[in-house]
């Protein structure tokens, strides 16, 4: 597990759009990082698959990512960081 110093330094290397994500967008992003399908994300968060699609589109726009596949690649490659940040700062 990374320490606070490493997490703070990692923030400098991530898209600034991460700081603009809503808590629900973070929930969706972390589940994408864990390889959840849109259907599974919808079930886990008690929302519709259409809402998941809308959240993905908003996340892509904020992170300047072109499509869902690139979003999945970004999330899966940064899974550890995204999960730790989500748990530490958004799940209080």
N, C-alpha and C. Protein backbone atom coordinates (compact mmCIF):
# COMPACT_ATOMS: atom_id res chain seq x y z
N UNK A 1 0.85 -1.18 0.00
CA UNK A 1 0.00 0.00 0.00
C UNK A 1 0.89 1.24 0.00
N UNK A 2 0.49 2.23 -0.74
CA UNK A 2 1.28 3.45 -0.86
C UNK A 2 1.07 4.36 0.34
N UNK A 3 2.10 5.14 0.67
CA UNK A 3 1.97 6.07 1.77
C UNK A 3 1.42 7.42 1.26
N UNK A 4 1.11 8.30 2.19
CA UNK A 4 0.51 9.59 1.83
C UNK A 4 1.41 10.41 0.92
N UNK A 5 2.71 10.38 1.16
CA UNK A 5 3.64 11.15 0.33
C UNK A 5 3.59 10.68 -1.11
N UNK A 6 3.61 9.37 -1.30
CA UNK A 6 3.56 8.82 -2.65
C UNK A 6 2.24 9.16 -3.31
N UNK A 7 1.14 9.04 -2.58
CA UNK A 7 -0.17 9.39 -3.14
C UNK A 7 -0.22 10.85 -3.57
N UNK A 8 0.31 11.74 -2.73
CA UNK A 8 0.30 13.16 -3.06
C UNK A 8 1.15 13.45 -4.29
N UNK A 9 2.29 12.80 -4.41
CA UNK A 9 3.14 12.99 -5.59
C UNK A 9 2.48 12.40 -6.83
N UNK A 10 1.79 11.28 -6.68
CA UNK A 10 1.10 10.67 -7.81
C UNK A 10 0.02 11.59 -8.36
N UNK A 11 -0.60 12.38 -7.50
CA UNK A 11 -1.64 13.31 -7.95
C UNK A 11 -1.11 14.24 -9.03
N UNK A 12 0.17 14.59 -8.95
CA UNK A 12 0.75 15.50 -9.92
C UNK A 12 0.82 14.88 -11.31
N UNK A 13 0.85 13.56 -11.40
CA UNK A 13 0.99 12.87 -12.67
C UNK A 13 -0.34 12.42 -13.26
N UNK A 14 -1.43 12.68 -12.60
CA UNK A 14 -2.74 12.22 -13.07
C UNK A 14 -3.50 13.38 -13.70
N UNK A 15 -4.46 13.05 -14.55
CA UNK A 15 -5.25 14.11 -15.18
C UNK A 15 -5.91 14.99 -14.13
N UNK A 16 -5.85 16.28 -14.36
CA UNK A 16 -6.46 17.22 -13.41
C UNK A 16 -7.97 17.00 -13.30
N UNK A 17 -8.56 16.39 -14.32
CA UNK A 17 -9.98 16.11 -14.30
C UNK A 17 -10.40 15.19 -13.17
N UNK A 18 -9.47 14.41 -12.63
CA UNK A 18 -9.81 13.53 -11.51
C UNK A 18 -10.36 14.33 -10.34
N UNK A 19 -9.84 15.54 -10.16
CA UNK A 19 -10.28 16.37 -9.05
C UNK A 19 -11.67 16.94 -9.28
N UNK A 20 -12.16 16.85 -10.50
CA UNK A 20 -13.48 17.37 -10.84
C UNK A 20 -14.58 16.30 -10.76
N UNK A 21 -14.18 15.03 -10.55
CA UNK A 21 -15.16 13.96 -10.53
C UNK A 21 -16.03 14.05 -9.27
N UNK A 22 -17.30 13.76 -9.45
CA UNK A 22 -18.22 13.70 -8.31
C UNK A 22 -17.98 12.38 -7.56
N UNK A 23 -18.45 12.27 -6.33
CA UNK A 23 -18.32 11.00 -5.61
C UNK A 23 -18.92 9.83 -6.38
N UNK A 24 -20.05 10.02 -7.03
CA UNK A 24 -20.66 8.92 -7.79
C UNK A 24 -19.82 8.55 -9.01
N UNK A 25 -19.23 9.54 -9.66
CA UNK A 25 -18.33 9.25 -10.78
C UNK A 25 -17.12 8.47 -10.31
N UNK A 26 -16.63 8.81 -9.11
CA UNK A 26 -15.53 8.04 -8.52
C UNK A 26 -15.95 6.59 -8.27
N UNK A 27 -17.16 6.40 -7.75
CA UNK A 27 -17.67 5.04 -7.52
C UNK A 27 -17.63 4.24 -8.82
N UNK A 28 -18.12 4.86 -9.88
CA UNK A 28 -18.15 4.18 -11.19
C UNK A 28 -16.73 3.90 -11.67
N UNK A 29 -15.85 4.88 -11.56
CA UNK A 29 -14.47 4.71 -12.02
C UNK A 29 -13.76 3.57 -11.29
N UNK A 30 -13.94 3.49 -9.99
CA UNK A 30 -13.29 2.43 -9.22
C UNK A 30 -13.82 1.05 -9.62
N UNK A 31 -15.12 0.97 -9.88
CA UNK A 31 -15.68 -0.31 -10.32
C UNK A 31 -15.21 -0.67 -11.73
N UNK A 32 -15.02 0.32 -12.58
CA UNK A 32 -14.42 0.07 -13.90
C UNK A 32 -13.01 -0.49 -13.71
N UNK A 33 -12.26 0.10 -12.79
CA UNK A 33 -10.89 -0.37 -12.51
C UNK A 33 -10.88 -1.81 -12.03
N UNK A 34 -11.97 -2.22 -11.37
CA UNK A 34 -12.07 -3.59 -10.88
C UNK A 34 -12.69 -4.52 -11.92
N UNK A 35 -12.77 -4.04 -13.15
CA UNK A 35 -13.26 -4.83 -14.30
C UNK A 35 -14.74 -5.19 -14.22
N UNK A 36 -15.52 -4.40 -13.54
CA UNK A 36 -16.97 -4.61 -13.52
C UNK A 36 -17.55 -4.23 -14.89
N UNK A 37 -18.51 -4.98 -15.34
CA UNK A 37 -19.24 -4.61 -16.56
C UNK A 37 -20.22 -3.49 -16.23
N UNK A 38 -20.74 -2.84 -17.25
CA UNK A 38 -21.73 -1.78 -17.01
C UNK A 38 -22.93 -2.33 -16.26
N UNK A 39 -23.35 -3.53 -16.62
CA UNK A 39 -24.49 -4.15 -15.95
C UNK A 39 -24.17 -4.38 -14.47
N UNK A 40 -22.97 -4.87 -14.17
CA UNK A 40 -22.58 -5.11 -12.78
C UNK A 40 -22.43 -3.81 -12.00
N UNK A 41 -21.92 -2.78 -12.66
CA UNK A 41 -21.82 -1.47 -12.00
C UNK A 41 -23.21 -0.98 -11.64
N UNK A 42 -24.14 -1.09 -12.59
CA UNK A 42 -25.51 -0.65 -12.35
C UNK A 42 -26.12 -1.39 -11.16
N UNK A 43 -25.94 -2.70 -11.12
CA UNK A 43 -26.49 -3.50 -10.03
C UNK A 43 -25.83 -3.13 -8.69
N UNK A 44 -24.52 -2.94 -8.70
CA UNK A 44 -23.80 -2.62 -7.46
C UNK A 44 -24.19 -1.27 -6.89
N UNK A 45 -24.46 -0.32 -7.77
CA UNK A 45 -24.78 1.03 -7.32
C UNK A 45 -26.27 1.33 -7.31
N UNK A 46 -27.06 0.33 -7.66
CA UNK A 46 -28.53 0.49 -7.70
C UNK A 46 -28.95 1.63 -8.62
N UNK A 47 -28.36 1.64 -9.81
CA UNK A 47 -28.72 2.61 -10.84
C UNK A 47 -28.98 1.86 -12.14
N UNK A 48 -29.46 2.54 -13.15
CA UNK A 48 -29.75 1.88 -14.42
C UNK A 48 -28.48 1.80 -15.27
N UNK A 49 -28.43 0.84 -16.19
CA UNK A 49 -27.29 0.78 -17.12
C UNK A 49 -27.13 2.08 -17.92
N UNK A 50 -28.23 2.74 -18.25
CA UNK A 50 -28.16 4.02 -18.96
C UNK A 50 -27.44 5.06 -18.11
N UNK A 51 -27.70 5.06 -16.80
CA UNK A 51 -27.00 5.99 -15.91
C UNK A 51 -25.51 5.69 -15.89
N UNK A 52 -25.15 4.42 -15.90
CA UNK A 52 -23.73 4.04 -15.95
C UNK A 52 -23.10 4.61 -17.21
N UNK A 53 -23.78 4.49 -18.33
CA UNK A 53 -23.30 5.02 -19.60
C UNK A 53 -23.10 6.53 -19.50
N UNK A 54 -24.06 7.21 -18.90
CA UNK A 54 -23.95 8.66 -18.72
C UNK A 54 -22.76 9.03 -17.84
N UNK A 55 -22.58 8.29 -16.75
CA UNK A 55 -21.44 8.56 -15.87
C UNK A 55 -20.12 8.32 -16.61
N UNK A 56 -20.03 7.25 -17.38
CA UNK A 56 -18.82 6.97 -18.14
C UNK A 56 -18.52 8.12 -19.11
N UNK A 57 -19.55 8.61 -19.78
CA UNK A 57 -19.36 9.72 -20.72
C UNK A 57 -18.86 10.98 -20.01
N UNK A 58 -19.41 11.26 -18.83
CA UNK A 58 -18.97 12.43 -18.07
C UNK A 58 -17.53 12.27 -17.59
N UNK A 59 -17.20 11.06 -17.14
CA UNK A 59 -15.83 10.79 -16.69
C UNK A 59 -14.86 10.98 -17.85
N UNK A 60 -15.21 10.41 -19.00
CA UNK A 60 -14.35 10.55 -20.19
C UNK A 60 -14.15 12.02 -20.53
N UNK A 61 -15.21 12.80 -20.49
CA UNK A 61 -15.10 14.22 -20.82
C UNK A 61 -14.18 14.94 -19.83
N UNK A 62 -14.36 14.67 -18.55
CA UNK A 62 -13.55 15.36 -17.53
C UNK A 62 -12.09 14.95 -17.59
N UNK A 63 -11.83 13.69 -17.96
CA UNK A 63 -10.45 13.20 -18.01
C UNK A 63 -9.85 13.33 -19.41
N UNK A 64 -10.63 13.85 -20.35
CA UNK A 64 -10.20 14.00 -21.74
C UNK A 64 -9.77 12.66 -22.32
N UNK A 65 -10.61 11.66 -22.08
CA UNK A 65 -10.42 10.31 -22.61
C UNK A 65 -11.44 10.11 -23.72
N UNK A 66 -11.02 9.49 -24.81
CA UNK A 66 -11.83 9.43 -26.02
C UNK A 66 -12.99 8.46 -26.01
N UNK A 67 -12.85 7.33 -25.32
CA UNK A 67 -13.90 6.31 -25.41
C UNK A 67 -13.85 5.39 -24.19
N UNK A 68 -14.84 4.51 -24.10
CA UNK A 68 -14.96 3.60 -22.95
C UNK A 68 -13.77 2.66 -22.84
N UNK A 69 -13.24 2.21 -23.96
CA UNK A 69 -12.09 1.30 -23.91
C UNK A 69 -10.88 2.00 -23.30
N UNK A 70 -10.61 3.23 -23.74
CA UNK A 70 -9.49 3.98 -23.17
C UNK A 70 -9.72 4.28 -21.70
N UNK A 71 -10.98 4.51 -21.32
CA UNK A 71 -11.31 4.71 -19.91
C UNK A 71 -11.00 3.45 -19.12
N UNK A 72 -11.38 2.30 -19.65
CA UNK A 72 -11.08 1.03 -18.98
C UNK A 72 -9.57 0.84 -18.84
N UNK A 73 -8.81 1.13 -19.90
CA UNK A 73 -7.35 0.97 -19.84
C UNK A 73 -6.75 1.89 -18.78
N UNK A 74 -7.18 3.14 -18.76
CA UNK A 74 -6.69 4.09 -17.75
C UNK A 74 -7.01 3.58 -16.35
N UNK A 75 -8.26 3.17 -16.13
CA UNK A 75 -8.69 2.72 -14.80
C UNK A 75 -7.96 1.46 -14.38
N UNK A 76 -7.83 0.50 -15.27
CA UNK A 76 -7.19 -0.76 -14.90
C UNK A 76 -5.69 -0.59 -14.66
N UNK A 77 -5.05 0.29 -15.42
CA UNK A 77 -3.62 0.53 -15.23
C UNK A 77 -3.33 1.30 -13.95
N UNK A 78 -4.32 2.01 -13.44
CA UNK A 78 -4.15 2.82 -12.23
C UNK A 78 -5.05 2.36 -11.09
N UNK A 79 -5.41 1.10 -11.14
CA UNK A 79 -6.36 0.52 -10.18
C UNK A 79 -5.96 0.76 -8.73
N UNK A 80 -4.72 0.48 -8.39
CA UNK A 80 -4.27 0.61 -7.00
C UNK A 80 -4.43 2.05 -6.52
N UNK A 81 -3.94 2.99 -7.29
CA UNK A 81 -4.02 4.39 -6.90
C UNK A 81 -5.47 4.84 -6.77
N UNK A 82 -6.29 4.53 -7.77
CA UNK A 82 -7.68 4.96 -7.75
C UNK A 82 -8.44 4.38 -6.57
N UNK A 83 -8.19 3.12 -6.27
CA UNK A 83 -8.87 2.46 -5.16
C UNK A 83 -8.46 3.07 -3.82
N UNK A 84 -7.16 3.27 -3.63
CA UNK A 84 -6.66 3.85 -2.38
C UNK A 84 -7.19 5.27 -2.20
N UNK A 85 -7.13 6.06 -3.26
CA UNK A 85 -7.62 7.44 -3.18
C UNK A 85 -9.11 7.46 -2.85
N UNK A 86 -9.86 6.61 -3.51
CA UNK A 86 -11.31 6.52 -3.27
C UNK A 86 -11.61 6.15 -1.82
N UNK A 87 -10.93 5.14 -1.31
CA UNK A 87 -11.16 4.68 0.07
C UNK A 87 -10.73 5.74 1.08
N UNK A 88 -9.59 6.37 0.82
CA UNK A 88 -9.02 7.30 1.80
C UNK A 88 -9.76 8.63 1.86
N UNK A 89 -10.19 9.13 0.72
CA UNK A 89 -10.73 10.48 0.68
C UNK A 89 -12.22 10.57 0.40
N UNK A 90 -12.81 9.53 -0.15
CA UNK A 90 -14.22 9.65 -0.53
C UNK A 90 -15.16 8.74 0.26
N UNK A 91 -14.64 7.77 0.95
CA UNK A 91 -15.48 6.84 1.72
C UNK A 91 -15.32 7.07 3.20
N UNK A 92 -15.51 8.27 3.65
CA UNK A 92 -15.39 8.56 5.09
C UNK A 92 -16.67 8.29 5.82
